[in-house]
Amino acid sequence: MSQENFEQFRQVVLEDSALQERLRAFTARDEFIVRVVESGAEFGFAFAAEDVVEAMRANRRAWIER
């Protein structure tokens, strides 16, 4: 369920340029992950840092496999 919540939050981020800018401000990986989880909670989405890390890994794999 938390992965599903993360994917729903990801869609919110893709549609909200102000939120994108807010998250881009965090360049340190660990801080970015914490802020994504916190931002998700602000929008009512519960997911863990591990969900964010897994999404980052999956995106990196997809990028490399291109």
N, C-alpha and C. Protein backbone atom coordinates (compact mmCIF):
# COMPACT_ATOMS: atom_id res chain seq x y z
N MET A 1 0.81 -1.20 0.00
CA MET A 1 0.00 0.00 0.00
C MET A 1 0.85 1.27 0.00
N SER A 2 1.96 1.24 0.72
CA SER A 2 2.76 2.46 0.77
C SER A 2 3.39 2.77 -0.59
N GLN A 3 3.74 1.74 -1.37
CA GLN A 3 4.27 1.99 -2.71
C GLN A 3 3.19 2.63 -3.58
N GLU A 4 1.96 2.18 -3.43
CA GLU A 4 0.83 2.77 -4.17
C GLU A 4 0.65 4.24 -3.77
N ASN A 5 0.75 4.52 -2.47
CA ASN A 5 0.66 5.91 -2.00
C ASN A 5 1.77 6.76 -2.60
N PHE A 6 2.97 6.17 -2.66
CA PHE A 6 4.09 6.91 -3.24
C PHE A 6 3.80 7.25 -4.70
N GLU A 7 3.31 6.28 -5.45
CA GLU A 7 3.01 6.52 -6.87
C GLU A 7 1.94 7.60 -7.04
N GLN A 8 0.96 7.62 -6.16
CA GLN A 8 -0.07 8.65 -6.21
C GLN A 8 0.54 10.02 -5.90
N PHE A 9 1.42 10.06 -4.92
CA PHE A 9 2.10 11.32 -4.60
C PHE A 9 2.98 11.77 -5.76
N ARG A 10 3.64 10.83 -6.41
CA ARG A 10 4.48 11.15 -7.56
C ARG A 10 3.65 11.87 -8.62
N GLN A 11 2.43 11.43 -8.85
CA GLN A 11 1.55 12.08 -9.81
C GLN A 11 1.23 13.51 -9.39
N VAL A 12 1.02 13.71 -8.09
CA VAL A 12 0.78 15.06 -7.57
C VAL A 12 1.99 15.95 -7.86
N VAL A 13 3.17 15.43 -7.62
CA VAL A 13 4.40 16.20 -7.87
C VAL A 13 4.52 16.55 -9.35
N LEU A 14 4.24 15.60 -10.22
CA LEU A 14 4.35 15.86 -11.66
C LEU A 14 3.41 16.95 -12.13
N GLU A 15 2.32 17.16 -11.41
CA GLU A 15 1.33 18.16 -11.80
C GLU A 15 1.49 19.49 -11.06
N ASP A 16 2.43 19.58 -10.15
CA ASP A 16 2.58 20.77 -9.30
C ASP A 16 4.00 21.32 -9.42
N SER A 17 4.18 22.32 -10.27
CA SER A 17 5.53 22.85 -10.50
C SER A 17 6.13 23.50 -9.26
N ALA A 18 5.31 24.10 -8.41
CA ALA A 18 5.84 24.70 -7.18
C ALA A 18 6.39 23.62 -6.25
N LEU A 19 5.71 22.51 -6.17
CA LEU A 19 6.18 21.40 -5.34
C LEU A 19 7.46 20.81 -5.93
N GLN A 20 7.53 20.73 -7.23
CA GLN A 20 8.75 20.25 -7.88
C GLN A 20 9.94 21.14 -7.51
N GLU A 21 9.74 22.44 -7.59
CA GLU A 21 10.81 23.38 -7.25
C GLU A 21 11.21 23.24 -5.78
N ARG A 22 10.23 23.09 -4.92
CA ARG A 22 10.51 22.93 -3.49
C ARG A 22 11.38 21.69 -3.24
N LEU A 23 11.06 20.60 -3.92
CA LEU A 23 11.83 19.37 -3.72
C LEU A 23 13.20 19.44 -4.39
N ARG A 24 13.31 20.15 -5.48
CA ARG A 24 14.61 20.30 -6.16
C ARG A 24 15.63 21.04 -5.31
N ALA A 25 15.15 21.81 -4.37
CA ALA A 25 16.06 22.58 -3.51
C ALA A 25 16.94 21.70 -2.64
N PHE A 26 16.54 20.46 -2.45
CA PHE A 26 17.29 19.54 -1.59
C PHE A 26 18.20 18.68 -2.45
N THR A 27 19.48 19.00 -2.43
CA THR A 27 20.44 18.30 -3.29
C THR A 27 21.11 17.12 -2.61
N ALA A 28 21.12 17.10 -1.29
CA ALA A 28 21.68 15.95 -0.57
C ALA A 28 20.67 14.82 -0.60
N ARG A 29 21.10 13.65 -1.02
CA ARG A 29 20.21 12.51 -1.22
C ARG A 29 19.35 12.20 0.00
N ASP A 30 19.98 12.07 1.17
CA ASP A 30 19.24 11.71 2.38
C ASP A 30 18.22 12.78 2.76
N GLU A 31 18.61 14.03 2.64
CA GLU A 31 17.69 15.12 2.95
C GLU A 31 16.52 15.13 1.96
N PHE A 32 16.81 14.90 0.69
CA PHE A 32 15.76 14.84 -0.33
C PHE A 32 14.74 13.75 0.02
N ILE A 33 15.22 12.59 0.38
CA ILE A 33 14.33 11.46 0.71
C ILE A 33 13.44 11.82 1.89
N VAL A 34 14.03 12.40 2.92
CA VAL A 34 13.25 12.81 4.10
C VAL A 34 12.19 13.83 3.70
N ARG A 35 12.56 14.80 2.89
CA ARG A 35 11.61 15.84 2.48
C ARG A 35 10.50 15.29 1.59
N VAL A 36 10.80 14.30 0.77
CA VAL A 36 9.76 13.68 -0.06
C VAL A 36 8.75 12.98 0.84
N VAL A 37 9.22 12.23 1.82
CA VAL A 37 8.32 11.55 2.75
C VAL A 37 7.47 12.56 3.51
N GLU A 38 8.10 13.63 3.99
CA GLU A 38 7.37 14.67 4.71
C GLU A 38 6.35 15.36 3.82
N SER A 39 6.73 15.67 2.59
CA SER A 39 5.82 16.33 1.66
C SER A 39 4.65 15.42 1.32
N GLY A 40 4.92 14.15 1.15
CA GLY A 40 3.86 13.20 0.90
C GLY A 40 2.85 13.19 2.04
N ALA A 41 3.35 13.21 3.27
CA ALA A 41 2.48 13.22 4.44
C ALA A 41 1.62 14.48 4.47
N GLU A 42 2.20 15.62 4.06
CA GLU A 42 1.44 16.87 4.02
C GLU A 42 0.23 16.77 3.09
N PHE A 43 0.37 15.94 2.06
CA PHE A 43 -0.71 15.75 1.09
C PHE A 43 -1.58 14.54 1.42
N GLY A 44 -1.31 13.90 2.57
CA GLY A 44 -2.13 12.78 3.00
C GLY A 44 -1.68 11.42 2.49
N PHE A 45 -0.46 11.33 1.99
CA PHE A 45 0.06 10.06 1.48
C PHE A 45 1.08 9.49 2.46
N ALA A 46 0.85 8.27 2.91
CA ALA A 46 1.76 7.61 3.84
C ALA A 46 2.63 6.62 3.08
N PHE A 47 3.93 6.86 3.09
CA PHE A 47 4.89 5.92 2.52
C PHE A 47 6.21 6.12 3.24
N ALA A 48 7.09 5.15 3.07
CA ALA A 48 8.36 5.14 3.81
C ALA A 48 9.51 5.61 2.93
N ALA A 49 10.59 5.94 3.58
CA ALA A 49 11.81 6.34 2.86
C ALA A 49 12.24 5.22 1.92
N GLU A 50 12.04 3.97 2.31
CA GLU A 50 12.41 2.84 1.46
C GLU A 50 11.66 2.86 0.13
N ASP A 51 10.42 3.35 0.14
CA ASP A 51 9.65 3.46 -1.10
C ASP A 51 10.29 4.49 -2.04
N VAL A 52 10.77 5.56 -1.47
CA VAL A 52 11.43 6.60 -2.28
C VAL A 52 12.74 6.06 -2.84
N VAL A 53 13.50 5.38 -1.99
CA VAL A 53 14.78 4.81 -2.43
C VAL A 53 14.55 3.80 -3.54
N GLU A 54 13.56 2.93 -3.39
CA GLU A 54 13.29 1.93 -4.42
C GLU A 54 12.88 2.59 -5.74
N ALA A 55 12.09 3.63 -5.67
CA ALA A 55 11.70 4.35 -6.89
C ALA A 55 12.93 4.99 -7.55
N MET A 56 13.82 5.52 -6.75
CA MET A 56 15.04 6.12 -7.29
C MET A 56 15.90 5.05 -7.98
N ARG A 57 16.00 3.88 -7.36
CA ARG A 57 16.77 2.78 -7.96
C ARG A 57 16.14 2.33 -9.27
N ALA A 58 14.82 2.18 -9.27
CA ALA A 58 14.12 1.73 -10.48
C ALA A 58 14.31 2.73 -11.61
N ASN A 59 14.23 4.01 -11.28
CA ASN A 59 14.43 5.04 -12.31
C ASN A 59 15.86 5.02 -12.84
N ARG A 60 16.81 4.80 -11.94
CA ARG A 60 18.21 4.74 -12.35
C ARG A 60 18.44 3.54 -13.28
N ARG A 61 17.86 2.38 -12.91
CA ARG A 61 17.98 1.18 -13.76
C ARG A 61 17.37 1.44 -15.13
N ALA A 62 16.19 2.04 -15.16
CA ALA A 62 15.52 2.33 -16.43
C ALA A 62 16.38 3.26 -17.29
N TRP A 63 17.00 4.23 -16.66
CA TRP A 63 17.84 5.18 -17.39
C TRP A 63 19.05 4.46 -17.98
N ILE A 64 19.68 3.60 -17.22
CA ILE A 64 20.88 2.87 -17.67
C ILE A 64 20.53 1.90 -18.79
N GLU A 65 19.36 1.29 -18.71
CA GLU A 65 18.95 0.28 -19.69
C GLU A 65 18.49 0.87 -21.02
N ARG A 66 18.39 2.16 -21.09
CA ARG A 66 17.97 2.79 -22.36
C ARG A 66 18.92 2.52 -23.46
